[in-house]
Amino acid sequence: MFARLPLAAGLVTCLALPLAAQAQIRNAPSPRALEFAAYIFAAANVCGYRIGTEEFDALLEKQNVRAADVSPRGPFGGRVQTMFALMSNQMQLNREKACIAVAGEYGPEGNVSKNVLLPAEAPAAGAPQSEIKPGEIKPGETKPSDVKPAQ
């Protein structure tokens, strides 16, 4: 009876190992999910939009994909980068129309999903642009005439 106990424990362990391994295996994201991620990344690159991470992650989760999977360092990042390059180049050819179209789909008032792409923030410089005059030197800067050539 005691000899069968270790044998039964070993059998249970052997049967449990494949189940644990199966829990870690996932399917590859659908091509549509990869295209979506590349499209959003390309729009952010070409048009200067910020990505609303919560909304972006929620749309990816609807497609059973995590953002880490489609990020440049993720397991499918290479595929996304290839599509991103192609989409960015195509968007750049007709930038104004492409940016308007993308904003209409995924912008703050998007008809597909709202707030996935957000307008770029204004630069938070020390002084507003209207206060800086052309040719004016700000504190801490040197004039070109003050710079001596290297000898």
C-alpha atoms as a PDB file:
ATOM      1  CA  MET A   1       0.000   0.000   0.000  1.00  0.00           C
ATOM      2  CA  PHE A   2       2.801   2.454   0.872  1.00  0.00           C
ATOM      3  CA  ALA A   3       4.596   1.581  -2.373  1.00  0.00           C
ATOM      4  CA  ARG A   4       1.604   2.685  -4.434  1.00  0.00           C
ATOM      5  CA  LEU A   5       1.416   6.122  -2.760  1.00  0.00           C
ATOM      6  CA  PRO A   6       4.642   7.543  -4.326  1.00  0.00           C
ATOM      7  CA  LEU A   7       3.662   5.980  -7.637  1.00  0.00           C
ATOM      8  CA  ALA A   8       0.266   7.707  -7.532  1.00  0.00           C
ATOM      9  CA  ALA A   9       1.852  11.040  -6.555  1.00  0.00           C
ATOM     10  CA  GLY A  10       4.288  10.752  -9.468  1.00  0.00           C
ATOM     11  CA  LEU A  11       1.450   9.952 -11.852  1.00  0.00           C
ATOM     12  CA  VAL A  12      -0.546  12.988 -10.692  1.00  0.00           C
ATOM     13  CA  THR A  13       2.540  15.207 -11.090  1.00  0.00           C
ATOM     14  CA  CYS A  14       3.155  13.940 -14.621  1.00  0.00           C
ATOM     15  CA  LEU A  15      -0.447  14.560 -15.588  1.00  0.00           C
ATOM     16  CA  ALA A  16      -0.437  18.071 -14.068  1.00  0.00           C
ATOM     17  CA  LEU A  17       2.695  19.241 -15.949  1.00  0.00           C
ATOM     18  CA  PRO A  18       1.122  19.319 -19.406  1.00  0.00           C
ATOM     19  CA  LEU A  19      -1.857  21.259 -18.020  1.00  0.00           C
ATOM     20  CA  ALA A  20       0.451  23.904 -16.545  1.00  0.00           C
ATOM     21  CA  ALA A  21       2.331  24.197 -19.829  1.00  0.00           C
ATOM     22  CA  GLN A  22      -0.910  24.538 -21.792  1.00  0.00           C
ATOM     23  CA  ALA A  23      -1.996  27.474 -19.673  1.00  0.00           C
ATOM     24  CA  GLN A  24       1.042  29.488 -20.884  1.00  0.00           C
ATOM     25  CA  ILE A  25       0.634  28.784 -24.591  1.00  0.00           C
ATOM     26  CA  ARG A  26      -1.398  31.402 -26.434  1.00  0.00           C
ATOM     27  CA  ASN A  27      -2.374  31.818 -30.050  1.00  0.00           C
ATOM     28  CA  ALA A  28      -0.783  34.487 -32.191  1.00  0.00           C
ATOM     29  CA  PRO A  29      -2.786  37.701 -32.527  1.00  0.00           C
ATOM     30  CA  SER A  30      -5.071  37.940 -35.515  1.00  0.00           C
ATOM     31  CA  PRO A  31      -3.743  39.845 -38.531  1.00  0.00           C
ATOM     32  CA  ARG A  32      -6.505  42.403 -37.944  1.00  0.00           C
ATOM     33  CA  ALA A  33      -5.195  43.113 -34.430  1.00  0.00           C
ATOM     34  CA  LEU A  34      -1.649  43.577 -35.739  1.00  0.00           C
ATOM     35  CA  GLU A  35      -2.903  45.910 -38.481  1.00  0.00           C
ATOM     36  CA  PHE A  36      -4.904  47.909 -35.945  1.00  0.00           C
ATOM     37  CA  ALA A  37      -1.861  48.379 -33.692  1.00  0.00           C
ATOM     38  CA  ALA A  38       0.324  49.386 -36.657  1.00  0.00           C
ATOM     39  CA  TYR A  39      -2.351  51.835 -37.862  1.00  0.00           C
ATOM     40  CA  ILE A  40      -2.576  53.553 -34.474  1.00  0.00           C
ATOM     41  CA  PHE A  41       1.220  53.713 -34.131  1.00  0.00           C
ATOM     42  CA  ALA A  42       1.552  55.122 -37.668  1.00  0.00           C
ATOM     43  CA  ALA A  43      -1.119  57.760 -37.019  1.00  0.00           C
ATOM     44  CA  ALA A  44       0.636  58.814 -33.826  1.00  0.00           C
ATOM     45  CA  ASN A  45       3.941  59.027 -35.708  1.00  0.00           C
ATOM     46  CA  VAL A  46       2.784  60.876 -38.827  1.00  0.00           C
ATOM     47  CA  CYS A  47       0.118  63.140 -37.320  1.00  0.00           C
ATOM     48  CA  GLY A  48       1.705  63.747 -33.934  1.00  0.00           C
ATOM     49  CA  TYR A  49      -1.192  62.335 -31.937  1.00  0.00           C
ATOM     50  CA  ARG A  50      -0.804  60.852 -28.472  1.00  0.00           C
ATOM     51  CA  ILE A  51      -2.176  57.375 -27.874  1.00  0.00           C
ATOM     52  CA  GLY A  52      -4.869  57.058 -25.202  1.00  0.00           C
ATOM     53  CA  THR A  53      -3.428  53.980 -23.537  1.00  0.00           C
ATOM     54  CA  GLU A  54      -6.564  52.886 -21.678  1.00  0.00           C
ATOM     55  CA  GLU A  55      -8.719  52.999 -24.801  1.00  0.00           C
ATOM     56  CA  PHE A  56      -5.993  51.434 -26.946  1.00  0.00           C
ATOM     57  CA  ASP A  57      -5.520  48.592 -24.465  1.00  0.00           C
ATOM     58  CA  ALA A  58      -9.293  48.065 -24.260  1.00  0.00           C
ATOM     59  CA  LEU A  59      -9.577  47.732 -28.043  1.00  0.00           C
ATOM     60  CA  LEU A  60      -6.669  45.304 -28.105  1.00  0.00           C
ATOM     61  CA  GLU A  61      -8.248  43.245 -25.317  1.00  0.00           C
ATOM     62  CA  LYS A  62     -11.441  42.955 -27.375  1.00  0.00           C
ATOM     63  CA  GLN A  63      -9.256  41.259 -29.980  1.00  0.00           C
ATOM     64  CA  ASN A  64      -7.609  39.009 -27.324  1.00  0.00           C
ATOM     65  CA  VAL A  65      -4.250  40.795 -27.596  1.00  0.00           C
ATOM     66  CA  ARG A  66      -2.111  42.503 -24.976  1.00  0.00           C
ATOM     67  CA  ALA A  67      -0.277  45.745 -25.726  1.00  0.00           C
ATOM     68  CA  ALA A  68       2.981  44.060 -24.723  1.00  0.00           C
ATOM     69  CA  ASP A  69       2.513  41.567 -27.582  1.00  0.00           C
ATOM     70  CA  VAL A  70       2.363  44.259 -30.265  1.00  0.00           C
ATOM     71  CA  SER A  71       4.933  46.641 -28.790  1.00  0.00           C
ATOM     72  CA  PRO A  72       8.249  46.949 -30.660  1.00  0.00           C
ATOM     73  CA  ARG A  73       9.966  44.619 -28.177  1.00  0.00           C
ATOM     74  CA  GLY A  74       7.047  42.224 -27.963  1.00  0.00           C
ATOM     75  CA  PRO A  75       6.883  38.805 -29.612  1.00  0.00           C
ATOM     76  CA  PHE A  76       4.970  40.196 -32.611  1.00  0.00           C
ATOM     77  CA  GLY A  77       6.674  43.593 -32.672  1.00  0.00           C
ATOM     78  CA  GLY A  78       8.598  42.790 -35.852  1.00  0.00           C
ATOM     79  CA  ARG A  79       5.406  42.188 -37.809  1.00  0.00           C
ATOM     80  CA  VAL A  80       3.829  45.338 -36.406  1.00  0.00           C
ATOM     81  CA  GLN A  81       6.945  47.390 -37.257  1.00  0.00           C
ATOM     82  CA  THR A  82       6.858  46.197 -40.860  1.00  0.00           C
ATOM     83  CA  MET A  83       3.212  47.198 -41.225  1.00  0.00           C
ATOM     84  CA  PHE A  84       3.918  50.424 -39.340  1.00  0.00           C
ATOM     85  CA  ALA A  85       6.630  51.418 -41.819  1.00  0.00           C
ATOM     86  CA  LEU A  86       4.394  50.753 -44.808  1.00  0.00           C
ATOM     87  CA  MET A  87       1.433  52.599 -43.283  1.00  0.00           C
ATOM     88  CA  SER A  88       3.563  55.550 -42.143  1.00  0.00           C
ATOM     89  CA  ASN A  89       5.026  55.970 -45.618  1.00  0.00           C
ATOM     90  CA  GLN A  90       1.583  55.812 -47.214  1.00  0.00           C
ATOM     91  CA  MET A  91       0.087  58.270 -44.718  1.00  0.00           C
ATOM     92  CA  GLN A  92       2.987  60.664 -45.231  1.00  0.00           C
ATOM     93  CA  LEU A  93       2.233  60.907 -48.958  1.00  0.00           C
ATOM     94  CA  ASN A  94      -1.103  62.579 -48.249  1.00  0.00           C
ATOM     95  CA  ARG A  95      -0.624  63.649 -44.660  1.00  0.00           C
ATOM     96  CA  GLU A  96      -3.467  66.154 -44.229  1.00  0.00           C
ATOM     97  CA  LYS A  97      -6.219  63.866 -45.503  1.00  0.00           C
ATOM     98  CA  ALA A  98      -4.806  60.860 -43.653  1.00  0.00           C
ATOM     99  CA  CYS A  99      -4.686  62.715 -40.335  1.00  0.00           C
ATOM    100  CA  ILE A 100      -8.244  63.975 -40.764  1.00  0.00           C
ATOM    101  CA  ALA A 101      -9.451  60.475 -41.607  1.00  0.00           C
ATOM    102  CA  VAL A 102      -7.680  58.878 -38.634  1.00  0.00           C
ATOM    103  CA  ALA A 103      -8.968  61.558 -36.256  1.00  0.00           C
ATOM    104  CA  GLY A 104     -12.492  60.923 -37.539  1.00  0.00           C
ATOM    105  CA  GLU A 105     -12.162  57.231 -36.733  1.00  0.00           C
ATOM    106  CA  TYR A 106     -10.174  57.163 -33.476  1.00  0.00           C
ATOM    107  CA  GLY A 107      -9.940  60.802 -32.298  1.00  0.00           C
ATOM    108  CA  PRO A 108     -11.794  62.443 -29.412  1.00  0.00           C
ATOM    109  CA  GLU A 109     -15.009  62.418 -31.468  1.00  0.00           C
ATOM    110  CA  GLY A 110     -14.187  59.238 -33.397  1.00  0.00           C
ATOM    111  CA  ASN A 111     -16.905  57.212 -35.078  1.00  0.00           C
ATOM    112  CA  VAL A 112     -15.138  53.856 -34.545  1.00  0.00           C
ATOM    113  CA  SER A 113     -13.822  54.422 -31.025  1.00  0.00           C
ATOM    114  CA  LYS A 114     -13.320  57.628 -29.075  1.00  0.00           C
ATOM    115  CA  ASN A 115     -10.081  58.890 -27.470  1.00  0.00           C
ATOM    116  CA  VAL A 116      -7.740  56.245 -28.853  1.00  0.00           C
ATOM    117  CA  LEU A 117      -5.792  59.082 -30.503  1.00  0.00           C
ATOM    118  CA  LEU A 118      -5.560  62.337 -28.601  1.00  0.00           C
ATOM    119  CA  PRO A 119      -4.326  65.726 -29.835  1.00  0.00           C
ATOM    120  CA  ALA A 120      -0.679  66.452 -29.146  1.00  0.00           C
ATOM    121  CA  GLU A 121      -0.018  68.619 -26.110  1.00  0.00           C
ATOM    122  CA  ALA A 122       1.331  72.110 -26.640  1.00  0.00           C
ATOM    123  CA  PRO A 123       5.011  72.437 -25.721  1.00  0.00           C
ATOM    124  CA  ALA A 124       5.430  73.640 -22.163  1.00  0.00           C
ATOM    125  CA  ALA A 125       8.330  76.048 -22.757  1.00  0.00           C
ATOM    126  CA  GLY A 126       9.432  78.639 -20.220  1.00  0.00           C
ATOM    127  CA  ALA A 127       7.950  81.594 -22.116  1.00  0.00           C
ATOM    128  CA  PRO A 128       5.106  81.711 -24.619  1.00  0.00           C
ATOM    129  CA  GLN A 129       6.168  82.126 -28.246  1.00  0.00           C
ATOM    130  CA  SER A 130       4.691  85.645 -28.402  1.00  0.00           C
ATOM    131  CA  GLU A 131       7.122  86.891 -25.733  1.00  0.00           C
ATOM    132  CA  ILE A 132      10.254  85.697 -27.549  1.00  0.00           C
ATOM    133  CA  LYS A 133      11.375  88.104 -30.246  1.00  0.00           C
ATOM    134  CA  PRO A 134      13.321  86.969 -33.306  1.00  0.00           C
ATOM    135  CA  GLY A 135      17.065  87.282 -32.728  1.00  0.00           C
ATOM    136  CA  GLU A 136      16.617  87.653 -28.963  1.00  0.00           C
ATOM    137  CA  ILE A 137      19.035  85.691 -26.811  1.00  0.00           C
ATOM    138  CA  LYS A 138      17.485  83.949 -23.831  1.00  0.00           C
ATOM    139  CA  PRO A 139      19.359  83.815 -20.502  1.00  0.00           C
ATOM    140  CA  GLY A 140      22.025  81.135 -20.513  1.00  0.00           C
ATOM    141  CA  GLU A 141      22.491  81.171 -24.295  1.00  0.00           C
ATOM    142  CA  THR A 142      25.530  82.518 -26.084  1.00  0.00           C
ATOM    143  CA  LYS A 143      25.593  84.726 -29.126  1.00  0.00           C
ATOM    144  CA  PRO A 144      27.160  83.294 -32.250  1.00  0.00           C
ATOM    145  CA  SER A 145      29.753  86.119 -32.103  1.00  0.00           C
ATOM    146  CA  ASP A 146      30.748  85.031 -28.561  1.00  0.00           C
ATOM    147  CA  VAL A 147      31.705  81.546 -29.740  1.00  0.00           C
ATOM    148  CA  LYS A 148      35.358  81.330 -30.692  1.00  0.00           C
ATOM    149  CA  PRO A 149      36.495  78.824 -33.308  1.00  0.00           C
ATOM    150  CA  ALA A 150      38.456  75.818 -32.124  1.00  0.00           C
ATOM    151  CA  GLN A 151      42.240  76.081 -32.605  1.00  0.00           C
END
